Protein backbone atom coordinates (compact mmCIF):
# COMPACT_ATOMS: atom_id res chain seq x y z
CA UNK A 1 26.50 43.31 -64.63
CA UNK A 2 28.46 46.49 -65.18
CA UNK A 3 32.20 46.93 -64.89
CA UNK A 4 33.92 48.46 -61.89
CA UNK A 5 35.84 51.71 -62.16
CA UNK A 6 39.26 50.10 -61.79
CA UNK A 7 41.95 52.37 -63.19
CA UNK A 8 42.95 51.24 -66.67
CA UNK A 9 40.30 48.52 -66.65
CA UNK A 10 38.78 49.96 -69.83
CA UNK A 11 41.89 48.82 -71.72
CA UNK A 12 41.26 45.16 -70.82
CA UNK A 13 38.44 43.55 -72.82
CA UNK A 14 37.03 41.81 -69.75
CA UNK A 15 35.75 43.43 -66.57
CA UNK A 16 35.36 42.51 -62.93
CA UNK A 17 31.63 42.19 -62.21
CA UNK A 18 30.34 45.15 -60.22
CA UNK A 19 28.60 43.35 -57.37
CA UNK A 20 28.64 43.22 -53.61
CA UNK A 21 30.13 39.73 -53.77
CA UNK A 22 33.14 40.74 -55.85
CA UNK A 23 33.70 43.97 -53.94
CA UNK A 24 33.76 42.17 -50.60
CA UNK A 25 35.99 39.43 -52.01
CA UNK A 26 38.41 42.09 -53.20
CA UNK A 27 38.45 43.80 -49.81
CA UNK A 28 38.91 40.56 -47.88
CA UNK A 29 41.79 39.32 -50.02
CA UNK A 30 43.46 42.72 -50.27
CA UNK A 31 43.44 42.94 -46.46
CA UNK A 32 44.74 39.37 -46.06
CA UNK A 33 47.61 39.07 -48.53
CA UNK A 34 50.48 41.25 -49.65
CA UNK A 35 50.75 43.10 -52.93
CA UNK A 36 52.43 40.15 -54.64
CA UNK A 37 49.54 37.69 -54.16
CA UNK A 38 46.86 40.34 -54.61
CA UNK A 39 48.21 41.42 -58.01
CA UNK A 40 48.81 37.81 -59.02
CA UNK A 41 45.26 36.80 -58.09
CA UNK A 42 43.76 39.66 -60.07
CA UNK A 43 45.90 38.77 -63.08
CA UNK A 44 44.71 35.17 -62.80
CA UNK A 45 41.13 36.41 -63.17
CA UNK A 46 41.91 38.56 -66.18
CA UNK A 47 44.15 36.03 -67.91
CA UNK A 48 41.73 33.19 -67.15
CA UNK A 49 38.85 35.21 -68.60
CA UNK A 50 40.84 36.14 -71.70
CA UNK A 51 41.93 32.56 -72.26
CA UNK A 52 38.32 31.49 -71.83
CA UNK A 53 37.33 33.75 -74.69
CA UNK A 54 40.11 32.32 -76.80
CA UNK A 55 39.10 28.74 -75.97
CA UNK A 56 35.35 29.31 -76.21
CA UNK A 57 34.81 28.59 -72.50
CA UNK A 58 32.26 30.77 -70.70
CA UNK A 59 32.39 30.86 -66.90
CA UNK A 60 30.24 32.68 -64.38
CA UNK A 61 32.36 35.83 -63.94
CA UNK A 62 31.51 36.27 -60.25
CA UNK A 63 32.46 32.71 -59.38
CA UNK A 64 35.60 32.88 -61.50
CA UNK A 65 36.61 36.11 -59.79
CA UNK A 66 36.11 34.77 -56.26
CA UNK A 67 38.01 31.58 -57.10
CA UNK A 68 40.89 33.56 -58.59
CA UNK A 69 41.06 35.92 -55.63
CA UNK A 70 41.06 33.15 -53.01
CA UNK A 71 43.23 30.63 -54.84
CA UNK A 72 46.50 31.45 -53.00
CA UNK A 73 45.03 32.62 -49.69
CA UNK A 74 46.13 29.34 -48.09
CA UNK A 75 49.79 30.34 -48.52
CA UNK A 76 49.47 33.09 -45.92
CA UNK A 77 50.57 32.98 -42.28
CA UNK A 78 47.27 31.98 -40.61
CA UNK A 79 47.25 28.67 -42.51
CA UNK A 80 50.87 27.59 -42.20
CA UNK A 81 50.17 25.35 -39.20
CA UNK A 82 46.99 23.79 -40.59
CA UNK A 83 48.69 20.58 -41.74
CA UNK A 84 46.60 20.67 -44.90
CA UNK A 85 47.46 21.53 -48.49
CA UNK A 86 47.34 25.27 -49.00
CA UNK A 87 44.90 24.74 -51.88
CA UNK A 88 42.39 23.16 -49.49
CA UNK A 89 42.79 25.96 -46.96
CA UNK A 90 42.08 28.56 -49.63
CA UNK A 91 39.16 26.54 -51.01
CA UNK A 92 37.61 26.21 -47.55
CA UNK A 93 37.94 29.95 -46.90
CA UNK A 94 36.28 30.70 -50.22
CA UNK A 95 33.49 28.28 -49.34
CA UNK A 96 32.87 30.04 -46.01
CA UNK A 97 32.86 33.41 -47.74
CA UNK A 98 30.37 32.29 -50.38
CA UNK A 99 28.05 30.61 -47.89
CA UNK A 100 28.00 33.82 -45.82
CA UNK A 101 26.54 35.45 -48.93
CA UNK A 102 23.94 32.68 -49.39
CA UNK A 103 25.51 31.49 -52.64
CA UNK A 104 24.00 28.17 -53.83
CA UNK A 105 25.90 25.04 -52.90
CA UNK A 106 26.59 24.02 -56.49
CA UNK A 107 28.35 27.35 -57.04
CA UNK A 108 30.28 26.89 -53.80
CA UNK A 109 31.37 23.46 -55.02
CA UNK A 110 32.61 24.89 -58.32
CA UNK A 111 34.70 27.54 -56.60
CA UNK A 112 36.04 25.07 -54.02
CA UNK A 113 37.05 22.64 -56.76
CA UNK A 114 38.63 25.38 -58.88
CA UNK A 115 40.90 26.40 -56.01
CA UNK A 116 41.64 22.89 -54.75
CA UNK A 117 42.72 21.66 -58.19
CA UNK A 118 44.59 24.69 -59.51
CA UNK A 119 47.98 23.00 -59.01
CA UNK A 120 46.85 19.64 -60.41
CA UNK A 121 47.50 19.78 -64.16
CA UNK A 122 45.60 17.72 -66.67
CA UNK A 123 42.28 17.54 -64.78
CA UNK A 124 40.76 21.06 -64.45
CA UNK A 125 40.55 21.56 -68.22
CA UNK A 126 37.98 18.75 -68.38
CA UNK A 127 35.75 20.18 -65.64
CA UNK A 128 33.36 23.12 -65.23
CA UNK A 129 34.37 26.45 -66.80
CA UNK A 130 35.29 28.07 -63.49
CA UNK A 131 37.56 25.14 -62.63
CA UNK A 132 39.19 25.14 -66.06
CA UNK A 133 39.75 28.89 -66.23
CA UNK A 134 41.26 29.40 -62.78
CA UNK A 135 43.93 26.88 -63.73
CA UNK A 136 44.25 28.47 -67.18
CA UNK A 137 44.85 31.85 -65.55
CA UNK A 138 47.35 30.44 -63.06
CA UNK A 139 49.24 28.56 -65.76
CA UNK A 140 49.38 31.68 -67.91
CA UNK A 141 50.65 33.99 -65.17
CA UNK A 142 53.05 31.58 -63.45
CA UNK A 143 54.21 29.25 -66.23
CA UNK A 144 53.52 31.20 -69.40
CA UNK A 145 51.40 28.36 -70.81
CA UNK A 146 49.50 29.74 -73.80
CA UNK A 147 51.56 32.95 -73.62
CA UNK A 148 51.18 33.77 -77.31
CA UNK A 149 47.47 32.91 -77.36
CA UNK A 150 46.71 36.42 -76.03
CA UNK A 151 47.60 39.62 -77.82
CA UNK A 152 50.51 41.70 -76.66
CA UNK A 153 48.11 44.59 -76.07
CA UNK A 154 45.85 42.55 -73.77
CA UNK A 155 48.83 41.16 -71.90
CA UNK A 156 50.33 44.62 -71.46
CA UNK A 157 47.02 46.08 -70.26
CA UNK A 158 46.69 43.45 -67.51
CA UNK A 159 50.29 43.92 -66.38
CA UNK A 160 49.91 47.70 -66.41
CA UNK A 161 46.98 47.36 -64.02
CA UNK A 162 48.72 44.72 -61.88
CA UNK A 163 52.51 44.83 -62.38
CA UNK A 164 54.76 41.84 -61.82
CA UNK A 165 58.21 43.11 -60.74
CA UNK A 166 60.62 40.21 -60.07
CA UNK A 167 57.56 37.99 -60.10
CA UNK A 168 59.28 34.68 -60.82
CA UNK A 169 61.62 35.03 -57.86
CA UNK A 170 58.99 36.42 -55.49
CA UNK A 171 56.24 33.92 -56.24
CA UNK A 172 58.61 30.99 -55.75
CA UNK A 173 59.56 32.41 -52.36
CA UNK A 174 55.89 32.83 -51.47
CA UNK A 175 55.24 29.20 -52.42
CA UNK A 176 58.21 28.04 -50.35
CA UNK A 177 57.25 30.13 -47.31
CA UNK A 178 53.66 28.90 -47.45
CA UNK A 179 54.43 25.20 -47.83
CA UNK A 180 57.73 24.74 -45.95
CA UNK A 181 56.04 24.60 -42.50
CA UNK A 182 54.03 21.57 -43.67
CA UNK A 183 56.33 19.79 -46.14
CA UNK A 184 54.28 16.61 -46.17
CA UNK A 185 51.59 18.46 -48.11
CA UNK A 186 53.98 18.79 -51.07
CA UNK A 187 53.84 15.05 -51.75
CA UNK A 188 52.31 14.28 -55.14
CA UNK A 189 52.17 17.88 -56.36
CA UNK A 190 54.33 20.57 -57.92
CA UNK A 191 55.24 22.23 -54.62
CA UNK A 192 57.76 19.47 -53.90
CA UNK A 193 59.87 21.01 -56.68
CA UNK A 194 59.69 24.40 -54.93
CA UNK A 195 60.82 22.98 -51.60
CA UNK A 196 63.64 21.04 -53.24
CA UNK A 197 65.02 24.34 -54.57
CA UNK A 198 64.34 26.56 -51.56
CA UNK A 199 64.49 24.48 -48.35
CA UNK A 200 67.90 23.05 -47.42
CA UNK A 201 67.70 19.40 -46.43
CA UNK A 202 64.22 18.85 -47.85
CA UNK A 203 63.68 15.22 -48.84
CA UNK A 204 60.87 14.28 -51.18
CA UNK A 205 58.45 11.55 -50.19
CA UNK A 206 59.08 8.75 -52.66
CA UNK A 207 55.87 7.10 -53.90
CA UNK A 208 57.72 3.96 -54.96
CA UNK A 209 59.27 3.59 -51.50
CA UNK A 210 55.85 4.08 -49.90
CA UNK A 211 54.58 1.09 -51.85
CA UNK A 212 57.65 -1.11 -51.29
CA UNK A 213 57.86 -0.25 -47.57
CA UNK A 214 54.16 -0.66 -46.82
CA UNK A 215 53.17 -3.31 -44.24
CA UNK A 216 51.87 -5.63 -46.97
CA UNK A 217 54.01 -8.73 -47.46
CA UNK A 218 53.54 -8.74 -51.22
């Protein structure tokens, strides 16, 4: 596959595959999310790919790109009343997109899993490359995990292509806005921390209380 003509892309030592699948994924996501999530999703692809090189993990670049682009789609307005975790909404949308392009089911499963597990630390790194590297890209861009594993030049090239002004503040607000309408979906995952900081009156579901208050006598 050849690289796209993205401005400045030649300064990043990985490229977005030049295929109908990636082009249509780019168009769909760009039309569905704001600049914040679009730039973040693209950075996740680049950072995930670069970390893969560093770690010796080789993913299918098309599948990794689609997973990165769709991974936060579930935070957007159409999904806020779904009652499901935003990761599942994004994973399902990616699955529909891939099936519409007759992508094999095993590839669909990889992308679905990569998106569904990207906020579940400690598991993706032991799974298929696409699953591991979506999480690696998310952790790099959002949490700075492995920050010094990449060169300053590579990091600067990605950010020049997809800037991150006030990113920490803005991404936390996007997380809060996407999850606050269905707070029950934050149980057992990192988004409960976001709601605790951003939603007045939010009360975490307590796993210990769920066990002690269950209908079982003992």
